[in-house]
């Protein structure tokens, strides 16, 4: 099972899922399954 926790709220996700983490949000990705988890990270520079 693949989960992401954002500000202490856990969400289950699967292949092809896009997750947006806003600036200042605390996040953690968990892989509790037996298969590899491949994650692609990218950031977007915004004014503000």
PDB file of N, CA and C in Angstrom:
ATOM      1  N   UNK A   1       0.850  -1.178   0.000  1.00  0.00           N
ATOM      2  CA  UNK A   1       0.000   0.000   0.000  1.00  0.00           C
ATOM      3  C   UNK A   1       0.895   1.241   0.000  1.00  0.00           C
ATOM      4  N   UNK A   2       0.527   2.178  -0.814  1.00  0.00           N
ATOM      5  CA  UNK A   2       1.286   3.429  -0.892  1.00  0.00           C
ATOM      6  C   UNK A   2       0.435   4.521  -0.255  1.00  0.00           C
ATOM      7  N   UNK A   3       1.058   5.298   0.630  1.00  0.00           N
ATOM      8  CA  UNK A   3       0.323   6.370   1.302  1.00  0.00           C
ATOM      9  C   UNK A   3       1.188   7.616   1.348  1.00  0.00           C
ATOM     10  N   UNK A   4       0.514   8.747   1.347  1.00  0.00           N
ATOM     11  CA  UNK A   4       1.191  10.008   1.609  1.00  0.00           C
ATOM     12  C   UNK A   4       0.463  10.647   2.775  1.00  0.00           C
ATOM     13  N   UNK A   5       1.237  11.170   3.686  1.00  0.00           N
ATOM     14  CA  UNK A   5       0.674  11.877   4.829  1.00  0.00           C
ATOM     15  C   UNK A   5       1.002  13.357   4.654  1.00  0.00           C
ATOM     16  N   UNK A   6      -0.026  14.186   4.659  1.00  0.00           N
ATOM     17  CA  UNK A   6       0.145  15.636   4.545  1.00  0.00           C
ATOM     18  C   UNK A   6      -0.493  16.267   5.773  1.00  0.00           C
ATOM     19  N   UNK A   7       0.316  16.969   6.558  1.00  0.00           N
ATOM     20  CA  UNK A   7      -0.173  17.590   7.797  1.00  0.00           C
ATOM     21  C   UNK A   7      -0.996  16.617   8.629  1.00  0.00           C
ATOM     22  N   UNK A   8      -0.444  15.419   8.843  1.00  0.00           N
ATOM     23  CA  UNK A   8      -1.033  14.370   9.691  1.00  0.00           C
ATOM     24  C   UNK A   8      -2.332  13.771   9.159  1.00  0.00           C
ATOM     25  N   UNK A   9      -2.646  13.961   7.882  1.00  0.00           N
ATOM     26  CA  UNK A   9      -3.784  13.295   7.254  1.00  0.00           C
ATOM     27  C   UNK A   9      -3.220  12.341   6.209  1.00  0.00           C
ATOM     28  N   UNK A  10      -3.570  11.053   6.309  1.00  0.00           N
ATOM     29  CA  UNK A  10      -3.026  10.038   5.403  1.00  0.00           C
ATOM     30  C   UNK A  10      -3.978   9.808   4.232  1.00  0.00           C
ATOM     31  N   UNK A  11      -3.394   9.669   3.027  1.00  0.00           N
ATOM     32  CA  UNK A  11      -4.139   9.383   1.805  1.00  0.00           C
ATOM     33  C   UNK A  11      -3.494   8.191   1.125  1.00  0.00           C
ATOM     34  N   UNK A  12      -4.312   7.255   0.639  1.00  0.00           N
ATOM     35  CA  UNK A  12      -3.819   6.112  -0.129  1.00  0.00           C
ATOM     36  C   UNK A  12      -3.751   6.539  -1.588  1.00  0.00           C
ATOM     37  N   UNK A  13      -2.692   6.120  -2.282  1.00  0.00           N
ATOM     38  CA  UNK A  13      -2.583   6.434  -3.701  1.00  0.00           C
ATOM     39  C   UNK A  13      -2.034   5.249  -4.471  1.00  0.00           C
ATOM     40  N   UNK A  14      -2.182   5.308  -5.795  1.00  0.00           N
ATOM     41  CA  UNK A  14      -1.711   4.221  -6.658  1.00  0.00           C
ATOM     42  C   UNK A  14      -0.992   4.823  -7.857  1.00  0.00           C
ATOM     43  N   UNK A  15      -0.517   3.964  -8.729  1.00  0.00           N
ATOM     44  CA  UNK A  15       0.230   4.401  -9.904  1.00  0.00           C
ATOM     45  C   UNK A  15      -0.560   5.438 -10.692  1.00  0.00           C
ATOM     46  N   UNK A  16       0.135   6.479 -11.137  1.00  0.00           N
ATOM     47  CA  UNK A  16      -0.481   7.514 -11.938  1.00  0.00           C
ATOM     48  C   UNK A  16      -1.107   8.649 -11.147  1.00  0.00           C
ATOM     49  N   UNK A  17      -1.037   8.574  -9.837  1.00  0.00           N
ATOM     50  CA  UNK A  17      -1.624   9.612  -8.986  1.00  0.00           C
ATOM     51  C   UNK A  17      -0.725  10.836  -8.936  1.00  0.00           C
ATOM     52  N   UNK A  18      -1.339  12.016  -9.013  1.00  0.00           N
ATOM     53  CA  UNK A  18      -0.622  13.272  -8.835  1.00  0.00           C
ATOM     54  C   UNK A  18      -1.033  13.861  -7.490  1.00  0.00           C
ATOM     55  N   UNK A  19      -0.053  14.268  -6.711  1.00  0.00           N
ATOM     56  CA  UNK A  19      -0.305  14.858  -5.398  1.00  0.00           C
ATOM     57  C   UNK A  19       0.330  16.238  -5.368  1.00  0.00           C
ATOM     58  N   UNK A  20      -0.415  17.218  -4.909  1.00  0.00           N
ATOM     59  CA  UNK A  20       0.109  18.574  -4.759  1.00  0.00           C
ATOM     60  C   UNK A  20       0.314  18.830  -3.272  1.00  0.00           C
ATOM     61  N   UNK A  21       1.543  19.201  -2.921  1.00  0.00           N
ATOM     62  CA  UNK A  21       1.867  19.580  -1.550  1.00  0.00           C
ATOM     63  C   UNK A  21       2.179  21.069  -1.572  1.00  0.00           C
ATOM     64  N   UNK A  22       1.380  21.826  -0.855  1.00  0.00           N
ATOM     65  CA  UNK A  22       1.543  23.273  -0.834  1.00  0.00           C
ATOM     66  C   UNK A  22       2.738  23.667   0.033  1.00  0.00           C
ATOM     67  N   UNK A  23       3.335  24.820  -0.248  1.00  0.00           N
ATOM     68  CA  UNK A  23       4.450  25.297   0.580  1.00  0.00           C
ATOM     69  C   UNK A  23       4.038  25.359   2.054  1.00  0.00           C
ATOM     70  N   UNK A  24       4.904  24.844   2.895  1.00  0.00           N
ATOM     71  CA  UNK A  24       4.657  24.856   4.336  1.00  0.00           C
ATOM     72  C   UNK A  24       3.949  23.625   4.861  1.00  0.00           C
ATOM     73  N   UNK A  25       3.408  22.785   3.976  1.00  0.00           N
ATOM     74  CA  UNK A  25       2.757  21.561   4.438  1.00  0.00           C
ATOM     75  C   UNK A  25       3.815  20.505   4.734  1.00  0.00           C
ATOM     76  N   UNK A  26       3.669  19.838   5.855  1.00  0.00           N
ATOM     77  CA  UNK A  26       4.574  18.753   6.236  1.00  0.00           C
ATOM     78  C   UNK A  26       4.073  17.488   5.555  1.00  0.00           C
ATOM     79  N   UNK A  27       4.972  16.770   4.869  1.00  0.00           N
ATOM     80  CA  UNK A  27       4.545  15.585   4.142  1.00  0.00           C
ATOM     81  C   UNK A  27       5.549  14.448   4.268  1.00  0.00           C
ATOM     82  N   UNK A  28       5.025  13.240   4.110  1.00  0.00           N
ATOM     83  CA  UNK A  28       5.832  12.024   4.185  1.00  0.00           C
ATOM     84  C   UNK A  28       5.185  10.979   3.287  1.00  0.00           C
ATOM     85  N   UNK A  29       5.993  10.291   2.487  1.00  0.00           N
ATOM     86  CA  UNK A  29       5.505   9.222   1.620  1.00  0.00           C
ATOM     87  C   UNK A  29       5.892   7.885   2.239  1.00  0.00           C
ATOM     88  N   UNK A  30       4.919   6.967   2.298  1.00  0.00           N
ATOM     89  CA  UNK A  30       5.135   5.661   2.914  1.00  0.00           C
ATOM     90  C   UNK A  30       4.833   4.558   1.916  1.00  0.00           C
ATOM     91  N   UNK A  31       5.731   3.586   1.816  1.00  0.00           N
ATOM     92  CA  UNK A  31       5.503   2.402   0.999  1.00  0.00           C
ATOM     93  C   UNK A  31       5.503   1.203   1.927  1.00  0.00           C
ATOM     94  N   UNK A  32       4.322   0.680   2.224  1.00  0.00           N
ATOM     95  CA  UNK A  32       4.223  -0.460   3.126  1.00  0.00           C
ATOM     96  C   UNK A  32       4.002  -1.762   2.361  1.00  0.00           C
ATOM     97  N   UNK A  33       4.111  -1.701   1.022  1.00  0.00           N
ATOM     98  CA  UNK A  33       3.915  -2.885   0.191  1.00  0.00           C
ATOM     99  C   UNK A  33       5.213  -3.596  -0.114  1.00  0.00           C
ATOM    100  N   UNK A  34       5.117  -4.619  -0.933  1.00  0.00           N
ATOM    101  CA  UNK A  34       6.267  -5.440  -1.308  1.00  0.00           C
ATOM    102  C   UNK A  34       6.858  -5.053  -2.661  1.00  0.00           C
ATOM    103  N   UNK A  35       6.288  -4.062  -3.338  1.00  0.00           N
ATOM    104  CA  UNK A  35       6.798  -3.628  -4.631  1.00  0.00           C
ATOM    105  C   UNK A  35       7.463  -2.265  -4.489  1.00  0.00           C
ATOM    106  N   UNK A  36       8.355  -1.969  -5.427  1.00  0.00           N
ATOM    107  CA  UNK A  36       9.049  -0.686  -5.389  1.00  0.00           C
ATOM    108  C   UNK A  36       8.076   0.468  -5.602  1.00  0.00           C
ATOM    109  N   UNK A  37       8.408   1.579  -5.010  1.00  0.00           N
ATOM    110  CA  UNK A  37       7.656   2.814  -5.208  1.00  0.00           C
ATOM    111  C   UNK A  37       8.582   3.794  -5.913  1.00  0.00           C
ATOM    112  N   UNK A  38       8.172   4.250  -7.092  1.00  0.00           N
ATOM    113  CA  UNK A  38       8.958   5.210  -7.857  1.00  0.00           C
ATOM    114  C   UNK A  38       8.210   6.539  -7.817  1.00  0.00           C
ATOM    115  N   UNK A  39       8.894   7.581  -7.370  1.00  0.00           N
ATOM    116  CA  UNK A  39       8.275   8.900  -7.208  1.00  0.00           C
ATOM    117  C   UNK A  39       9.053   9.912  -8.032  1.00  0.00           C
ATOM    118  N   UNK A  40       8.329  10.762  -8.742  1.00  0.00           N
ATOM    119  CA  UNK A  40       8.943  11.862  -9.473  1.00  0.00           C
ATOM    120  C   UNK A  40       8.531  13.158  -8.795  1.00  0.00           C
ATOM    121  N   UNK A  41       9.530  13.925  -8.347  1.00  0.00           N
ATOM    122  CA  UNK A  41       9.279  15.197  -7.675  1.00  0.00           C
ATOM    123  C   UNK A  41       9.598  16.339  -8.624  1.00  0.00           C
ATOM    124  N   UNK A  42       8.828  17.392  -8.556  1.00  0.00           N
ATOM    125  CA  UNK A  42       9.206  18.616  -9.232  1.00  0.00           C
ATOM    126  C   UNK A  42       8.584  19.785  -8.489  1.00  0.00           C
ATOM    127  N   UNK A  43       9.223  20.907  -8.559  1.00  0.00           N
ATOM    128  CA  UNK A  43       8.723  22.112  -7.902  1.00  0.00           C
ATOM    129  C   UNK A  43       8.416  23.173  -8.936  1.00  0.00           C
ATOM    130  N   UNK A  44       7.506  24.035  -8.576  1.00  0.00           N
ATOM    131  CA  UNK A  44       7.118  25.140  -9.451  1.00  0.00           C
ATOM    132  C   UNK A  44       7.385  26.434  -8.710  1.00  0.00           C
ATOM    133  N   UNK A  45       8.176  27.291  -9.308  1.00  0.00           N
ATOM    134  CA  UNK A  45       8.480  28.580  -8.715  1.00  0.00           C
ATOM    135  C   UNK A  45       7.317  29.531  -8.970  1.00  0.00           C
ATOM    136  N   UNK A  46       6.795  30.107  -7.890  1.00  0.00           N
ATOM    137  CA  UNK A  46       5.699  31.056  -8.020  1.00  0.00           C
ATOM    138  C   UNK A  46       6.082  32.368  -7.345  1.00  0.00           C
ATOM    139  N   UNK A  47       5.484  33.434  -7.784  1.00  0.00           N
ATOM    140  CA  UNK A  47       5.675  34.715  -7.107  1.00  0.00           C
ATOM    141  C   UNK A  47       4.798  34.740  -5.871  1.00  0.00           C
ATOM    142  N   UNK A  48       5.334  35.252  -4.801  1.00  0.00           N
ATOM    143  CA  UNK A  48       4.487  35.351  -3.617  1.00  0.00           C
ATOM    144  C   UNK A  48       5.187  34.912  -2.448  1.00  0.00           C
TER     145      UNK A  48
END
